[in-house]
N, C-alpha and C. Protein backbone atom coordinates (compact mmCIF):
# COMPACT_ATOMS: atom_id res chain seq x y z
N MET A 1 -68.57 -2.75 -222.76
CA MET A 1 -68.81 -2.50 -224.17
C MET A 1 -68.60 -1.01 -224.46
N LYS A 2 -67.90 -0.73 -225.53
CA LYS A 2 -67.63 0.65 -225.91
C LYS A 2 -68.85 1.29 -226.54
N THR A 3 -68.95 2.61 -226.34
CA THR A 3 -70.04 3.36 -226.96
C THR A 3 -69.77 3.53 -228.46
N TRP A 4 -70.79 3.96 -229.17
CA TRP A 4 -70.65 4.22 -230.60
C TRP A 4 -69.57 5.27 -230.84
N ASP A 5 -69.60 6.34 -230.06
CA ASP A 5 -68.59 7.41 -230.21
C ASP A 5 -67.18 6.86 -229.99
N GLU A 6 -67.01 6.03 -228.99
CA GLU A 6 -65.70 5.45 -228.71
C GLU A 6 -65.23 4.55 -229.86
N ARG A 7 -66.16 3.82 -230.43
CA ARG A 7 -65.79 2.95 -231.56
C ARG A 7 -65.43 3.77 -232.79
N ILE A 8 -66.12 4.90 -233.01
CA ILE A 8 -65.75 5.82 -234.10
C ILE A 8 -64.34 6.35 -233.84
N GLU A 9 -64.09 6.79 -232.61
CA GLU A 9 -62.76 7.30 -232.26
C GLU A 9 -61.69 6.25 -232.47
N ASP A 10 -62.00 5.00 -232.18
CA ASP A 10 -61.04 3.91 -232.40
C ASP A 10 -60.68 3.76 -233.87
N VAL A 11 -61.67 3.88 -234.74
CA VAL A 11 -61.38 3.77 -236.18
C VAL A 11 -60.44 4.89 -236.60
N TRP A 12 -60.73 6.11 -236.15
CA TRP A 12 -59.87 7.24 -236.53
C TRP A 12 -58.48 7.10 -235.90
N ALA A 13 -58.41 6.60 -234.70
CA ALA A 13 -57.10 6.38 -234.07
C ALA A 13 -56.29 5.34 -234.84
N ASP A 14 -56.95 4.30 -235.29
CA ASP A 14 -56.27 3.27 -236.08
C ASP A 14 -55.77 3.82 -237.41
N ALA A 15 -56.49 4.79 -237.95
CA ALA A 15 -56.13 5.37 -239.26
C ALA A 15 -55.09 6.47 -239.14
N ALA A 16 -54.83 6.95 -237.93
CA ALA A 16 -53.90 8.07 -237.73
C ALA A 16 -52.53 7.74 -238.29
N GLY A 17 -52.03 8.66 -239.10
CA GLY A 17 -50.70 8.49 -239.67
C GLY A 17 -50.65 7.61 -240.89
N ASP A 18 -51.76 6.95 -241.20
CA ASP A 18 -51.81 6.08 -242.37
C ASP A 18 -52.66 6.73 -243.46
N GLU A 19 -52.50 6.24 -244.66
CA GLU A 19 -53.37 6.65 -245.74
C GLU A 19 -54.73 6.01 -245.52
N VAL A 20 -55.77 6.82 -245.53
CA VAL A 20 -57.11 6.29 -245.34
C VAL A 20 -57.58 5.70 -246.65
N GLY A 21 -58.13 4.50 -246.57
CA GLY A 21 -58.60 3.82 -247.77
C GLY A 21 -59.91 3.12 -247.55
N ASP A 22 -60.16 2.12 -248.38
CA ASP A 22 -61.43 1.41 -248.36
C ASP A 22 -61.72 0.74 -247.03
N ASP A 23 -60.68 0.27 -246.34
CA ASP A 23 -60.90 -0.40 -245.05
C ASP A 23 -61.50 0.56 -244.02
N THR A 24 -60.93 1.76 -243.94
CA THR A 24 -61.45 2.75 -242.99
C THR A 24 -62.87 3.16 -243.38
N ILE A 25 -63.09 3.37 -244.66
CA ILE A 25 -64.44 3.72 -245.12
C ILE A 25 -65.42 2.62 -244.74
N ALA A 26 -65.06 1.37 -244.97
CA ALA A 26 -65.95 0.25 -244.65
C ALA A 26 -66.25 0.19 -243.14
N ARG A 27 -65.24 0.42 -242.34
CA ARG A 27 -65.44 0.38 -240.89
C ARG A 27 -66.37 1.51 -240.43
N ILE A 28 -66.15 2.71 -240.96
CA ILE A 28 -67.02 3.84 -240.62
C ILE A 28 -68.44 3.59 -241.12
N ASP A 29 -68.56 3.11 -242.35
CA ASP A 29 -69.89 2.83 -242.90
C ASP A 29 -70.64 1.80 -242.06
N ALA A 30 -69.94 0.79 -241.57
CA ALA A 30 -70.58 -0.23 -240.73
C ALA A 30 -71.10 0.39 -239.44
N LEU A 31 -70.31 1.25 -238.84
CA LEU A 31 -70.76 1.92 -237.62
C LEU A 31 -71.90 2.89 -237.92
N ALA A 32 -71.81 3.60 -239.03
CA ALA A 32 -72.87 4.53 -239.42
C ALA A 32 -74.19 3.79 -239.66
N ALA A 33 -74.10 2.60 -240.21
CA ALA A 33 -75.31 1.81 -240.48
C ALA A 33 -76.07 1.50 -239.20
N GLU A 34 -75.36 1.40 -238.09
CA GLU A 34 -76.02 1.16 -236.81
C GLU A 34 -76.95 2.31 -236.44
N ARG A 35 -76.63 3.50 -236.90
CA ARG A 35 -77.43 4.69 -236.59
C ARG A 35 -78.49 4.97 -237.65
N GLY A 36 -78.31 4.46 -238.84
CA GLY A 36 -79.28 4.69 -239.92
C GLY A 36 -78.89 5.88 -240.79
N SER A 37 -79.51 5.93 -241.95
CA SER A 37 -79.14 6.95 -242.95
C SER A 37 -79.69 8.33 -242.63
N ASP A 38 -80.55 8.44 -241.63
CA ASP A 38 -81.08 9.75 -241.24
C ASP A 38 -80.44 10.29 -239.97
N HIS A 39 -79.26 9.79 -239.65
CA HIS A 39 -78.55 10.24 -238.47
C HIS A 39 -77.42 11.18 -238.90
N ALA A 40 -77.50 12.44 -238.50
CA ALA A 40 -76.57 13.46 -238.96
C ALA A 40 -75.12 13.11 -238.65
N ARG A 41 -74.86 12.69 -237.43
CA ARG A 41 -73.48 12.39 -237.05
C ARG A 41 -72.92 11.23 -237.86
N ALA A 42 -73.74 10.22 -238.12
CA ALA A 42 -73.29 9.08 -238.91
C ALA A 42 -72.93 9.52 -240.33
N GLU A 43 -73.74 10.39 -240.90
CA GLU A 43 -73.45 10.90 -242.25
C GLU A 43 -72.18 11.76 -242.24
N PHE A 44 -71.99 12.51 -241.18
CA PHE A 44 -70.76 13.31 -241.04
C PHE A 44 -69.53 12.41 -241.00
N GLU A 45 -69.60 11.34 -240.25
CA GLU A 45 -68.47 10.42 -240.16
C GLU A 45 -68.20 9.73 -241.50
N ARG A 46 -69.26 9.37 -242.20
CA ARG A 46 -69.11 8.78 -243.53
C ARG A 46 -68.42 9.76 -244.48
N ALA A 47 -68.82 11.03 -244.39
CA ALA A 47 -68.22 12.07 -245.23
C ALA A 47 -66.74 12.22 -244.90
N GLY A 48 -66.43 12.26 -243.63
CA GLY A 48 -65.04 12.42 -243.20
C GLY A 48 -64.15 11.30 -243.67
N ALA A 49 -64.68 10.08 -243.67
CA ALA A 49 -63.90 8.94 -244.15
C ALA A 49 -63.57 9.09 -245.62
N ARG A 50 -64.55 9.51 -246.40
CA ARG A 50 -64.32 9.69 -247.83
C ARG A 50 -63.38 10.86 -248.09
N ASP A 51 -63.56 11.91 -247.33
CA ASP A 51 -62.69 13.08 -247.46
C ASP A 51 -61.24 12.69 -247.17
N SER A 52 -61.04 11.96 -246.09
CA SER A 52 -59.69 11.52 -245.71
C SER A 52 -59.08 10.56 -246.72
N ALA A 53 -59.93 9.87 -247.47
CA ALA A 53 -59.46 8.94 -248.49
C ALA A 53 -59.24 9.62 -249.84
N GLY A 54 -59.38 10.95 -249.87
CA GLY A 54 -59.16 11.68 -251.11
C GLY A 54 -60.32 11.62 -252.08
N ARG A 55 -61.52 11.52 -251.55
CA ARG A 55 -62.72 11.47 -252.37
C ARG A 55 -63.64 12.66 -252.03
N PRO A 56 -63.18 13.88 -252.30
CA PRO A 56 -63.94 15.05 -251.87
C PRO A 56 -65.33 15.17 -252.48
N ALA A 57 -65.52 14.75 -253.72
CA ALA A 57 -66.84 14.86 -254.32
C ALA A 57 -67.86 14.01 -253.57
N GLU A 58 -67.47 12.80 -253.18
CA GLU A 58 -68.36 11.94 -252.39
C GLU A 58 -68.60 12.56 -251.02
N ALA A 59 -67.55 13.14 -250.45
CA ALA A 59 -67.66 13.73 -249.12
C ALA A 59 -68.61 14.91 -249.10
N VAL A 60 -68.55 15.76 -250.13
CA VAL A 60 -69.39 16.96 -250.17
C VAL A 60 -70.87 16.59 -250.06
N VAL A 61 -71.29 15.58 -250.79
CA VAL A 61 -72.70 15.15 -250.75
C VAL A 61 -73.08 14.75 -249.33
N LEU A 62 -72.22 14.01 -248.67
CA LEU A 62 -72.52 13.53 -247.32
C LEU A 62 -72.43 14.64 -246.29
N TYR A 63 -71.48 15.56 -246.44
CA TYR A 63 -71.41 16.71 -245.53
C TYR A 63 -72.70 17.52 -245.61
N ARG A 64 -73.16 17.77 -246.82
CA ARG A 64 -74.41 18.54 -246.99
C ARG A 64 -75.59 17.82 -246.35
N ARG A 65 -75.62 16.52 -246.53
CA ARG A 65 -76.70 15.73 -245.92
C ARG A 65 -76.64 15.81 -244.40
N ALA A 66 -75.45 15.68 -243.85
CA ALA A 66 -75.29 15.76 -242.39
C ALA A 66 -75.76 17.11 -241.87
N LEU A 67 -75.39 18.17 -242.57
CA LEU A 67 -75.83 19.51 -242.14
C LEU A 67 -77.34 19.65 -242.24
N SER A 68 -77.93 19.12 -243.29
CA SER A 68 -79.39 19.24 -243.44
C SER A 68 -80.14 18.44 -242.38
N LEU A 69 -79.52 17.36 -241.90
CA LEU A 69 -80.14 16.55 -240.85
C LEU A 69 -79.99 17.19 -239.47
N GLY A 70 -79.02 18.10 -239.32
CA GLY A 70 -78.85 18.82 -238.06
C GLY A 70 -77.84 18.21 -237.13
N LEU A 71 -76.66 18.78 -237.13
CA LEU A 71 -75.58 18.33 -236.25
C LEU A 71 -75.55 19.14 -234.96
N ASP A 72 -74.99 18.56 -233.92
CA ASP A 72 -74.84 19.28 -232.66
C ASP A 72 -73.76 20.37 -232.81
N GLU A 73 -73.63 21.21 -231.81
CA GLU A 73 -72.72 22.35 -231.89
C GLU A 73 -71.24 21.97 -231.87
N GLU A 74 -70.92 20.75 -231.49
CA GLU A 74 -69.54 20.28 -231.56
C GLU A 74 -69.19 19.86 -232.99
N HIS A 75 -70.10 19.20 -233.65
CA HIS A 75 -69.80 18.62 -234.97
C HIS A 75 -70.21 19.51 -236.14
N ARG A 76 -71.18 20.41 -235.94
CA ARG A 76 -71.60 21.28 -237.04
C ARG A 76 -70.46 22.13 -237.58
N PRO A 77 -69.70 22.84 -236.73
CA PRO A 77 -68.61 23.64 -237.30
C PRO A 77 -67.53 22.78 -237.96
N GLN A 78 -67.27 21.60 -237.39
CA GLN A 78 -66.30 20.70 -238.01
C GLN A 78 -66.76 20.31 -239.41
N CYS A 79 -68.04 20.01 -239.53
CA CYS A 79 -68.60 19.61 -240.82
C CYS A 79 -68.50 20.74 -241.84
N VAL A 80 -68.80 21.94 -241.41
CA VAL A 80 -68.74 23.08 -242.32
C VAL A 80 -67.29 23.33 -242.77
N ILE A 81 -66.36 23.26 -241.83
CA ILE A 81 -64.94 23.44 -242.15
C ILE A 81 -64.50 22.39 -243.18
N GLN A 82 -64.88 21.15 -242.93
CA GLN A 82 -64.48 20.06 -243.83
C GLN A 82 -65.18 20.18 -245.18
N LEU A 83 -66.44 20.62 -245.19
CA LEU A 83 -67.16 20.85 -246.44
C LEU A 83 -66.45 21.92 -247.26
N ALA A 84 -66.14 23.04 -246.62
CA ALA A 84 -65.47 24.13 -247.33
C ALA A 84 -64.11 23.68 -247.88
N SER A 85 -63.39 22.90 -247.10
CA SER A 85 -62.10 22.40 -247.54
C SER A 85 -62.25 21.47 -248.75
N SER A 86 -63.25 20.61 -248.72
CA SER A 86 -63.50 19.71 -249.84
C SER A 86 -63.90 20.49 -251.09
N LEU A 87 -64.73 21.50 -250.91
CA LEU A 87 -65.10 22.34 -252.05
C LEU A 87 -63.86 23.02 -252.64
N ARG A 88 -62.95 23.46 -251.78
CA ARG A 88 -61.69 24.04 -252.24
C ARG A 88 -60.91 23.01 -253.06
N ASN A 89 -60.83 21.80 -252.55
CA ASN A 89 -60.10 20.75 -253.26
C ASN A 89 -60.71 20.44 -254.62
N LEU A 90 -62.00 20.69 -254.75
CA LEU A 90 -62.68 20.47 -256.03
C LEU A 90 -62.61 21.69 -256.95
N GLY A 91 -62.00 22.77 -256.46
CA GLY A 91 -61.90 23.99 -257.26
C GLY A 91 -63.15 24.84 -257.24
N GLU A 92 -64.06 24.55 -256.33
CA GLU A 92 -65.31 25.30 -256.19
C GLU A 92 -65.10 26.45 -255.20
N TYR A 93 -64.24 27.39 -255.58
CA TYR A 93 -63.78 28.43 -254.65
C TYR A 93 -64.89 29.37 -254.20
N ASP A 94 -65.77 29.79 -255.11
CA ASP A 94 -66.83 30.72 -254.71
C ASP A 94 -67.75 30.09 -253.68
N GLU A 95 -68.14 28.85 -253.92
CA GLU A 95 -69.01 28.18 -252.96
C GLU A 95 -68.29 27.92 -251.64
N ALA A 96 -67.02 27.54 -251.73
CA ALA A 96 -66.23 27.31 -250.52
C ALA A 96 -66.15 28.59 -249.69
N LEU A 97 -65.93 29.72 -250.36
CA LEU A 97 -65.87 31.01 -249.65
C LEU A 97 -67.20 31.36 -249.02
N GLU A 98 -68.28 31.10 -249.72
CA GLU A 98 -69.60 31.38 -249.18
C GLU A 98 -69.85 30.57 -247.91
N VAL A 99 -69.50 29.29 -247.96
CA VAL A 99 -69.70 28.39 -246.82
C VAL A 99 -68.84 28.82 -245.63
N ILE A 100 -67.57 29.10 -245.89
CA ILE A 100 -66.66 29.41 -244.78
C ILE A 100 -66.92 30.79 -244.20
N ARG A 101 -67.33 31.74 -245.04
CA ARG A 101 -67.65 33.08 -244.51
C ARG A 101 -68.88 33.04 -243.62
N ALA A 102 -69.87 32.24 -243.99
CA ALA A 102 -71.06 32.09 -243.14
C ALA A 102 -70.67 31.49 -241.80
N GLU A 103 -69.78 30.50 -241.84
CA GLU A 103 -69.33 29.87 -240.59
C GLU A 103 -68.49 30.84 -239.77
N GLU A 104 -67.75 31.69 -240.43
CA GLU A 104 -66.93 32.69 -239.73
C GLU A 104 -67.81 33.55 -238.84
N GLU A 105 -68.97 33.93 -239.34
CA GLU A 105 -69.90 34.74 -238.55
C GLU A 105 -70.47 33.93 -237.38
N LEU A 106 -70.82 32.67 -237.64
CA LEU A 106 -71.40 31.83 -236.59
C LEU A 106 -70.38 31.45 -235.52
N SER A 107 -69.13 31.27 -235.91
CA SER A 107 -68.09 30.77 -234.99
C SER A 107 -67.13 31.86 -234.53
N ALA A 108 -67.54 33.09 -234.62
CA ALA A 108 -66.63 34.21 -234.30
C ALA A 108 -66.00 34.06 -232.92
N ASP A 109 -66.73 33.54 -231.98
CA ASP A 109 -66.21 33.38 -230.62
C ASP A 109 -66.08 31.91 -230.22
N GLY A 110 -66.25 31.01 -231.18
CA GLY A 110 -66.25 29.59 -230.87
C GLY A 110 -64.86 28.97 -230.91
N PRO A 111 -64.77 27.73 -230.48
CA PRO A 111 -63.48 27.05 -230.41
C PRO A 111 -62.86 26.75 -231.79
N TYR A 112 -63.65 26.82 -232.84
CA TYR A 112 -63.15 26.50 -234.18
C TYR A 112 -62.82 27.74 -235.01
N ARG A 113 -62.85 28.92 -234.40
CA ARG A 113 -62.64 30.16 -235.17
C ARG A 113 -61.29 30.18 -235.88
N ASP A 114 -60.25 29.67 -235.27
CA ASP A 114 -58.94 29.68 -235.93
C ASP A 114 -58.89 28.65 -237.07
N ALA A 115 -59.56 27.53 -236.91
CA ALA A 115 -59.64 26.55 -237.99
C ALA A 115 -60.44 27.13 -239.16
N VAL A 116 -61.49 27.84 -238.86
CA VAL A 116 -62.29 28.50 -239.90
C VAL A 116 -61.41 29.49 -240.66
N ALA A 117 -60.65 30.29 -239.94
CA ALA A 117 -59.77 31.28 -240.57
C ALA A 117 -58.71 30.59 -241.43
N THR A 118 -58.18 29.50 -240.95
CA THR A 118 -57.16 28.77 -241.70
C THR A 118 -57.71 28.29 -243.03
N VAL A 119 -58.89 27.69 -243.00
CA VAL A 119 -59.50 27.20 -244.24
C VAL A 119 -59.85 28.37 -245.15
N HIS A 120 -60.34 29.45 -244.56
CA HIS A 120 -60.66 30.66 -245.34
C HIS A 120 -59.40 31.15 -246.07
N ALA A 121 -58.28 31.20 -245.35
CA ALA A 121 -57.02 31.64 -245.96
C ALA A 121 -56.59 30.70 -247.08
N LEU A 122 -56.71 29.40 -246.87
CA LEU A 122 -56.35 28.43 -247.91
C LEU A 122 -57.22 28.57 -249.15
N ILE A 123 -58.51 28.78 -248.95
CA ILE A 123 -59.41 28.94 -250.09
C ILE A 123 -59.00 30.17 -250.91
N LEU A 124 -58.75 31.28 -250.22
CA LEU A 124 -58.35 32.50 -250.93
C LEU A 124 -57.05 32.29 -251.70
N ALA A 125 -56.09 31.63 -251.07
CA ALA A 125 -54.81 31.38 -251.75
C ALA A 125 -55.02 30.50 -252.97
N SER A 126 -55.83 29.46 -252.84
CA SER A 126 -56.09 28.55 -253.95
C SER A 126 -56.86 29.25 -255.07
N ALA A 127 -57.67 30.22 -254.70
CA ALA A 127 -58.47 30.96 -255.67
C ALA A 127 -57.68 32.07 -256.36
N GLY A 128 -56.38 32.12 -256.11
CA GLY A 128 -55.54 33.13 -256.75
C GLY A 128 -55.53 34.47 -256.04
N ARG A 129 -55.90 34.47 -254.78
CA ARG A 129 -55.90 35.71 -253.98
C ARG A 129 -55.05 35.50 -252.73
N PRO A 130 -53.76 35.20 -252.93
CA PRO A 130 -52.90 34.85 -251.79
C PRO A 130 -52.71 35.98 -250.78
N ALA A 131 -52.69 37.22 -251.21
CA ALA A 131 -52.52 38.32 -250.26
C ALA A 131 -53.73 38.40 -249.33
N GLN A 132 -54.92 38.22 -249.88
CA GLN A 132 -56.12 38.22 -249.04
C GLN A 132 -56.08 37.03 -248.08
N GLY A 133 -55.59 35.90 -248.55
CA GLY A 133 -55.45 34.72 -247.69
C GLY A 133 -54.48 34.98 -246.55
N LEU A 134 -53.36 35.60 -246.87
CA LEU A 134 -52.38 35.95 -245.84
C LEU A 134 -52.99 36.91 -244.83
N SER A 135 -53.77 37.85 -245.31
CA SER A 135 -54.43 38.80 -244.42
C SER A 135 -55.35 38.09 -243.44
N VAL A 136 -56.14 37.15 -243.93
CA VAL A 136 -57.05 36.40 -243.06
C VAL A 136 -56.24 35.63 -242.01
N ALA A 137 -55.15 35.00 -242.44
CA ALA A 137 -54.31 34.24 -241.51
C ALA A 137 -53.69 35.16 -240.45
N LEU A 138 -53.20 36.30 -240.88
CA LEU A 138 -52.59 37.24 -239.92
C LEU A 138 -53.62 37.75 -238.92
N LEU A 139 -54.81 38.07 -239.41
CA LEU A 139 -55.85 38.55 -238.50
C LEU A 139 -56.25 37.47 -237.48
N ALA A 140 -56.17 36.21 -237.87
CA ALA A 140 -56.45 35.12 -236.93
C ALA A 140 -55.36 35.00 -235.87
N LEU A 141 -54.14 35.36 -236.24
CA LEU A 141 -53.02 35.27 -235.30
C LEU A 141 -52.97 36.44 -234.32
N VAL A 142 -53.48 37.59 -234.72
CA VAL A 142 -53.36 38.81 -233.89
C VAL A 142 -53.80 38.59 -232.44
N PRO A 143 -54.95 37.97 -232.17
CA PRO A 143 -55.35 37.82 -230.77
C PRO A 143 -54.38 36.97 -229.93
N HIS A 144 -53.54 36.19 -230.59
CA HIS A 144 -52.60 35.32 -229.88
C HIS A 144 -51.26 36.01 -229.61
N LEU A 145 -51.07 37.20 -230.16
CA LEU A 145 -49.82 37.92 -229.98
C LEU A 145 -49.80 38.63 -228.62
N PRO A 146 -48.63 38.69 -227.97
CA PRO A 146 -48.57 39.37 -226.68
C PRO A 146 -48.65 40.90 -226.83
N ARG A 147 -48.29 41.41 -228.01
CA ARG A 147 -48.32 42.85 -228.28
C ARG A 147 -48.57 43.07 -229.77
N TYR A 148 -48.57 44.30 -230.18
CA TYR A 148 -48.61 44.69 -231.59
C TYR A 148 -49.96 44.45 -232.27
N HIS A 149 -51.02 44.35 -231.53
CA HIS A 149 -52.33 44.07 -232.11
C HIS A 149 -52.74 45.13 -233.13
N ARG A 150 -52.62 46.38 -232.76
CA ARG A 150 -53.07 47.46 -233.64
C ARG A 150 -52.27 47.49 -234.92
N SER A 151 -50.94 47.43 -234.82
CA SER A 151 -50.11 47.54 -236.02
C SER A 151 -50.26 46.31 -236.91
N MET A 152 -50.31 45.13 -236.33
CA MET A 152 -50.45 43.92 -237.15
C MET A 152 -51.81 43.86 -237.83
N THR A 153 -52.83 44.34 -237.16
CA THR A 153 -54.15 44.41 -237.77
C THR A 153 -54.13 45.36 -238.96
N ALA A 154 -53.49 46.51 -238.79
CA ALA A 154 -53.38 47.47 -239.90
C ALA A 154 -52.60 46.88 -241.07
N TYR A 155 -51.49 46.20 -240.77
CA TYR A 155 -50.69 45.58 -241.84
C TYR A 155 -51.50 44.51 -242.58
N ALA A 156 -52.24 43.73 -241.83
CA ALA A 156 -53.04 42.66 -242.45
C ALA A 156 -54.08 43.25 -243.41
N HIS A 157 -54.71 44.34 -243.00
CA HIS A 157 -55.69 44.98 -243.88
C HIS A 157 -55.00 45.59 -245.10
N GLU A 158 -53.83 46.16 -244.91
CA GLU A 158 -53.07 46.75 -246.01
C GLU A 158 -52.67 45.67 -247.03
N ILE A 159 -52.21 44.53 -246.55
CA ILE A 159 -51.78 43.43 -247.43
C ILE A 159 -52.96 42.92 -248.26
N ALA A 160 -54.12 42.85 -247.67
CA ALA A 160 -55.31 42.31 -248.38
C ALA A 160 -55.60 43.09 -249.64
N ASP A 161 -55.32 44.38 -249.61
CA ASP A 161 -55.60 45.23 -250.77
C ASP A 161 -54.65 45.00 -251.93
N SER A 162 -53.53 44.32 -251.71
CA SER A 162 -52.56 44.14 -252.78
C SER A 162 -52.99 43.11 -253.81
N ASP A 163 -54.02 42.32 -253.55
CA ASP A 163 -54.54 41.38 -254.54
C ASP A 163 -55.45 42.07 -255.57
N THR A 164 -55.91 43.25 -255.23
CA THR A 164 -56.86 43.94 -256.13
C THR A 164 -56.17 44.82 -257.13
């Protein structure tokens, strides 16, 4: 018998490459019901299903609930990233920036730091500050470059100022 996590992974694997719709939401909701409405991970999965189906307003409520219930260190940053992205999709740029900047501090050395930077850059671009968004993206790339760290960092900071 497969574990709950494996069955969740199966639903997402089945949905890969397809448009997520009511069927995926129903399958996730059925699995979430096994854990109950006070289970953070179950609420996170429910939020993700709605987010993937293009229902960001529904997802935001569930992401917030999952965070308030307390997610583990693997799923908490994912939830925050997805929450910030959904807020961006809803045009709630200030709140999205607040959420993602807080996560940036928490995940500075974590495995999701580049994903956090990517969402941060997207939010800035969507908020009409594309140069600042480019700067955030460039600064995220700098550690991956074989050389030119100092100059690229300086250029990224210089570019950020062009939005002001």
